[in-house]
PDB file of N, CA and C in Angstrom:
ATOM      1  N   MET A   1      55.426  11.101-143.839  1.00  0.00           N
ATOM      2  CA  MET A   1      53.913  11.277-144.004  1.00  0.00           C
ATOM      3  C   MET A   1      53.581   9.887-144.406  1.00  0.00           C
ATOM      4  N   SER A   2      52.474   9.599-143.782  1.00  0.00           N
ATOM      5  CA  SER A   2      51.841   8.082-144.057  1.00  0.00           C
ATOM      6  C   SER A   2      51.069   8.243-145.376  1.00  0.00           C
ATOM      7  N   GLU A   3      51.218   7.039-145.995  1.00  0.00           N
ATOM      8  CA  GLU A   3      50.542   6.936-147.341  1.00  0.00           C
ATOM      9  C   GLU A   3      50.051   5.470-147.433  1.00  0.00           C
ATOM     10  N   ILE A   4      48.749   5.348-147.867  1.00  0.00           N
ATOM     11  CA  ILE A   4      48.174   4.075-148.019  1.00  0.00           C
ATOM     12  C   ILE A   4      47.488   4.079-149.456  1.00  0.00           C
ATOM     13  N   LYS A   5      47.813   3.078-150.187  1.00  0.00           N
ATOM     14  CA  LYS A   5      47.314   2.979-151.537  1.00  0.00           C
ATOM     15  C   LYS A   5      45.984   2.058-151.436  1.00  0.00           C
ATOM     16  N   CYS A   6      45.118   2.581-152.340  1.00  0.00           N
ATOM     17  CA  CYS A   6      43.735   1.827-152.355  1.00  0.00           C
ATOM     18  C   CYS A   6      43.861   0.661-153.164  1.00  0.00           C
ATOM     19  N   ARG A   7      43.471  -0.410-152.777  1.00  0.00           N
ATOM     20  CA  ARG A   7      43.437  -1.801-153.608  1.00  0.00           C
ATOM     21  C   ARG A   7      42.124  -1.613-154.423  1.00  0.00           C
ATOM     22  N   LYS A   8      42.195  -2.514-155.445  1.00  0.00           N
ATOM     23  CA  LYS A   8      41.185  -2.624-156.448  1.00  0.00           C
ATOM     24  C   LYS A   8      39.912  -3.111-155.657  1.00  0.00           C
ATOM     25  N   ASN A   9      38.687  -2.326-155.831  1.00  0.00           N
ATOM     26  CA  ASN A   9      37.502  -2.734-155.234  1.00  0.00           C
ATOM     27  C   ASN A   9      37.468  -2.835-153.750  1.00  0.00           C
ATOM     28  N   GLU A  10      38.275  -2.062-152.998  1.00  0.00           N
ATOM     29  CA  GLU A  10      38.411  -2.115-151.677  1.00  0.00           C
ATOM     30  C   GLU A  10      37.448  -0.927-151.091  1.00  0.00           C
ATOM     31  N   PRO A  11      36.564  -1.183-150.138  1.00  0.00           N
ATOM     32  CA  PRO A  11      35.785  -0.210-149.517  1.00  0.00           C
ATOM     33  C   PRO A  11      36.589   0.904-148.907  1.00  0.00           C
ATOM     34  N   VAL A  12      36.021   2.080-148.950  1.00  0.00           N
ATOM     35  CA  VAL A  12      36.701   3.181-148.286  1.00  0.00           C
ATOM     36  C   VAL A  12      36.905   3.026-146.883  1.00  0.00           C
ATOM     37  N   GLU A  13      35.971   2.428-146.091  1.00  0.00           N
ATOM     38  CA  GLU A  13      36.006   2.180-144.747  1.00  0.00           C
ATOM     39  C   GLU A  13      37.181   1.462-144.256  1.00  0.00           C
ATOM     40  N   ARG A  14      37.544   0.447-145.102  1.00  0.00           N
ATOM     41  CA  ARG A  14      38.698  -0.412-144.902  1.00  0.00           C
ATOM     42  C   ARG A  14      40.037   0.262-144.990  1.00  0.00           C
ATOM     43  N   VAL A  15      39.937   1.115-146.019  1.00  0.00           N
ATOM     44  CA  VAL A  15      41.222   1.936-146.359  1.00  0.00           C
ATOM     45  C   VAL A  15      41.469   2.963-145.299  1.00  0.00           C
ATOM     46  N   LEU A  16      40.435   3.496-144.814  1.00  0.00           N
ATOM     47  CA  LEU A  16      40.532   4.450-143.582  1.00  0.00           C
ATOM     48  C   LEU A  16      40.816   3.690-142.397  1.00  0.00           C
ATOM     49  N   ARG A  17      40.430   2.454-142.180  1.00  0.00           N
ATOM     50  CA  ARG A  17      40.828   1.667-141.030  1.00  0.00           C
ATOM     51  C   ARG A  17      42.343   1.465-141.104  1.00  0.00           C
ATOM     52  N   ARG A  18      42.821   1.051-142.310  1.00  0.00           N
ATOM     53  CA  ARG A  18      44.307   0.770-142.489  1.00  0.00           C
ATOM     54  C   ARG A  18      45.191   1.966-142.154  1.00  0.00           C
ATOM     55  N   LEU A  19      44.583   3.139-142.658  1.00  0.00           N
ATOM     56  CA  LEU A  19      45.333   4.383-142.512  1.00  0.00           C
ATOM     57  C   LEU A  19      45.452   4.710-140.898  1.00  0.00           C
ATOM     58  N   LYS A  20      44.327   4.583-140.345  1.00  0.00           N
ATOM     59  CA  LYS A  20      44.203   4.912-138.894  1.00  0.00           C
ATOM     60  C   LYS A  20      45.230   4.025-138.044  1.00  0.00           C
ATOM     61  N   LYS A  21      45.311   2.707-138.486  1.00  0.00           N
ATOM     62  CA  LYS A  21      46.159   1.665-137.789  1.00  0.00           C
ATOM     63  C   LYS A  21      47.651   2.068-138.028  1.00  0.00           C
ATOM     64  N   LYS A  22      47.962   2.487-139.311  1.00  0.00           N
ATOM     65  CA  LYS A  22      49.281   2.889-139.526  1.00  0.00           C
ATOM     66  C   LYS A  22      49.734   4.296-138.784  1.00  0.00           C
ATOM     67  N   MET A  23      48.886   5.035-138.743  1.00  0.00           N
ATOM     68  CA  MET A  23      49.334   6.366-138.099  1.00  0.00           C
ATOM     69  C   MET A  23      49.336   6.054-136.598  1.00  0.00           C
ATOM     70  N   ASP A  24      48.500   5.229-136.030  1.00  0.00           N
ATOM     71  CA  ASP A  24      48.580   4.850-134.720  1.00  0.00           C
ATOM     72  C   ASP A  24      49.851   4.161-134.302  1.00  0.00           C
ATOM     73  N   LYS A  25      50.335   3.277-135.195  1.00  0.00           N
ATOM     74  CA  LYS A  25      51.598   2.549-135.075  1.00  0.00           C
ATOM     75  C   LYS A  25      52.811   3.546-135.129  1.00  0.00           C
ATOM     76  N   GLU A  26      52.649   4.500-135.927  1.00  0.00           N
ATOM     77  CA  GLU A  26      53.766   5.463-136.060  1.00  0.00           C
ATOM     78  C   GLU A  26      53.757   6.460-135.028  1.00  0.00           C
ATOM     79  N   GLY A  27      52.546   6.667-134.274  1.00  0.00           N
ATOM     80  CA  GLY A  27      52.438   7.769-133.244  1.00  0.00           C
ATOM     81  C   GLY A  27      52.226   9.049-133.668  1.00  0.00           C
ATOM     82  N   THR A  28      51.809   9.237-134.988  1.00  0.00           N
ATOM     83  CA  THR A  28      51.402  10.311-135.499  1.00  0.00           C
ATOM     84  C   THR A  28      50.174  11.212-134.847  1.00  0.00           C
ATOM     85  N   MET A  29      49.244  10.570-134.599  1.00  0.00           N
ATOM     86  CA  MET A  29      48.066  11.255-133.728  1.00  0.00           C
ATOM     87  C   MET A  29      48.467  11.617-132.316  1.00  0.00           C
ATOM     88  N   LYS A  30      49.190  10.763-131.792  1.00  0.00           N
ATOM     89  CA  LYS A  30      49.694  11.060-130.342  1.00  0.00           C
ATOM     90  C   LYS A  30      50.498  12.325-130.292  1.00  0.00           C
ATOM     91  N   GLU A  31      51.364  12.488-131.383  1.00  0.00           N
ATOM     92  CA  GLU A  31      52.271  13.540-131.464  1.00  0.00           C
ATOM     93  C   GLU A  31      51.614  14.915-131.762  1.00  0.00           C
ATOM     94  N   LEU A  32      50.578  14.737-132.565  1.00  0.00           N
ATOM     95  CA  LEU A  32      49.717  15.903-132.989  1.00  0.00           C
ATOM     96  C   LEU A  32      48.908  16.380-131.855  1.00  0.00           C
ATOM     97  N   ARG A  33      48.416  15.553-131.027  1.00  0.00           N
ATOM     98  CA  ARG A  33      47.636  15.972-129.645  1.00  0.00           C
ATOM     99  C   ARG A  33      48.657  16.607-128.690  1.00  0.00           C
ATOM    100  N   ASN A  34      49.731  16.110-128.699  1.00  0.00           N
ATOM    101  CA  ASN A  34      50.836  16.792-127.808  1.00  0.00           C
ATOM    102  C   ASN A  34      51.319  18.159-128.293  1.00  0.00           C
ATOM    103  N   ARG A  35      51.216  18.315-129.525  1.00  0.00           N
ATOM    104  CA  ARG A  35      51.675  19.611-130.084  1.00  0.00           C
ATOM    105  C   ARG A  35      50.611  20.662-130.227  1.00  0.00           C
ATOM    106  N   ARG A  36      49.332  20.247-129.793  1.00  0.00           N
ATOM    107  CA  ARG A  36      48.281  21.216-129.936  1.00  0.00           C
ATOM    108  C   ARG A  36      48.367  22.424-129.169  1.00  0.00           C
ATOM    109  N   HIS A  37      49.162  22.172-128.044  1.00  0.00           N
ATOM    110  CA  HIS A  37      49.317  23.414-127.093  1.00  0.00           C
ATOM    111  C   HIS A  37      51.027  23.410-126.840  1.00  0.00           C
ATOM    112  N   TYR A  38      51.479  24.708-126.597  1.00  0.00           N
ATOM    113  CA  TYR A  38      52.846  24.728-126.386  1.00  0.00           C
ATOM    114  C   TYR A  38      53.127  24.107-124.942  1.00  0.00           C
ATOM    115  N   GLU A  39      54.216  23.441-124.856  1.00  0.00           N
ATOM    116  CA  GLU A  39      54.678  22.810-123.568  1.00  0.00           C
ATOM    117  C   GLU A  39      56.129  23.418-123.295  1.00  0.00           C
ATOM    118  N   LYS A  40      56.249  23.936-122.128  1.00  0.00           N
ATOM    119  CA  LYS A  40      57.628  24.309-121.841  1.00  0.00           C
ATOM    120  C   LYS A  40      58.710  23.183-121.756  1.00  0.00           C
ATOM    121  N   PRO A  41      59.810  23.419-122.116  1.00  0.00           N
ATOM    122  CA  PRO A  41      60.792  22.301-122.092  1.00  0.00           C
ATOM    123  C   PRO A  41      60.880  21.653-120.705  1.00  0.00           C
ATOM    124  N   SER A  42      60.811  22.454-119.626  1.00  0.00           N
ATOM    125  CA  SER A  42      60.927  21.815-118.267  1.00  0.00           C
ATOM    126  C   SER A  42      59.702  20.918-117.957  1.00  0.00           C
ATOM    127  N   GLU A  43      58.505  21.247-118.574  1.00  0.00           N
ATOM    128  CA  GLU A  43      57.292  20.468-118.419  1.00  0.00           C
ATOM    129  C   GLU A  43      57.534  19.156-119.315  1.00  0.00           C
ATOM    130  N   VAL A  44      58.238  19.099-120.445  1.00  0.00           N
ATOM    131  CA  VAL A  44      58.411  17.923-121.193  1.00  0.00           C
ATOM    132  C   VAL A  44      59.303  17.115-120.498  1.00  0.00           C
ATOM    133  N   LYS A  45      60.463  17.557-119.863  1.00  0.00           N
ATOM    134  CA  LYS A  45      61.559  16.785-119.110  1.00  0.00           C
ATOM    135  C   LYS A  45      60.710  16.190-117.859  1.00  0.00           C
ATOM    136  N   ARG A  46      59.979  16.853-117.190  1.00  0.00           N
ATOM    137  CA  ARG A  46      59.222  16.254-116.060  1.00  0.00           C
ATOM    138  C   ARG A  46      58.339  15.137-116.450  1.00  0.00           C
ATOM    139  N   ARG A  47      57.587  15.364-117.646  1.00  0.00           N
ATOM    140  CA  ARG A  47      56.717  14.302-118.072  1.00  0.00           C
ATOM    141  C   ARG A  47      57.373  13.027-118.512  1.00  0.00           C
ATOM    142  N   GLU A  48      58.527  13.232-119.042  1.00  0.00           N
ATOM    143  CA  GLU A  48      59.300  12.037-119.655  1.00  0.00           C
ATOM    144  C   GLU A  48      59.986  11.467-118.468  1.00  0.00           C
ATOM    145  N   SER A  49      60.394  12.097-117.436  1.00  0.00           N
ATOM    146  CA  SER A  49      60.957  11.464-116.288  1.00  0.00           C
ATOM    147  C   SER A  49      59.837  10.573-115.436  1.00  0.00           C
ATOM    148  N   LYS A  50      58.585  11.267-115.370  1.00  0.00           N
ATOM    149  CA  LYS A  50      57.629  10.492-114.733  1.00  0.00           C
ATOM    150  C   LYS A  50      57.258   9.331-115.453  1.00  0.00           C
ATOM    151  N   ARG A  51      57.400   9.197-116.780  1.00  0.00           N
ATOM    152  CA  ARG A  51      56.902   8.128-117.642  1.00  0.00           C
ATOM    153  C   ARG A  51      57.965   6.915-117.403  1.00  0.00           C
ATOM    154  N   SER A  52      59.370   7.344-117.319  1.00  0.00           N
ATOM    155  CA  SER A  52      60.291   6.403-117.192  1.00  0.00           C
ATOM    156  C   SER A  52      60.275   5.609-115.806  1.00  0.00           C
ATOM    157  N   HIS A  53      59.692   6.201-114.829  1.00  0.00           N
ATOM    158  CA  HIS A  53      59.669   5.534-113.536  1.00  0.00           C
ATOM    159  C   HIS A  53      58.570   4.464-113.376  1.00  0.00           C
TER     160      HIS A  53
END
């Protein structure tokens, strides 16, 4: 789980930007979007093999 600590006198927008960058770097949002709908294991394998080529 991603955790960001607010620094003293730091605007909320900047904290949210840091959180978004950290989650993007970890791939959290991408994984969340992929898990939104069930994907059969054969479809996962097909997608992975397409990406490797």
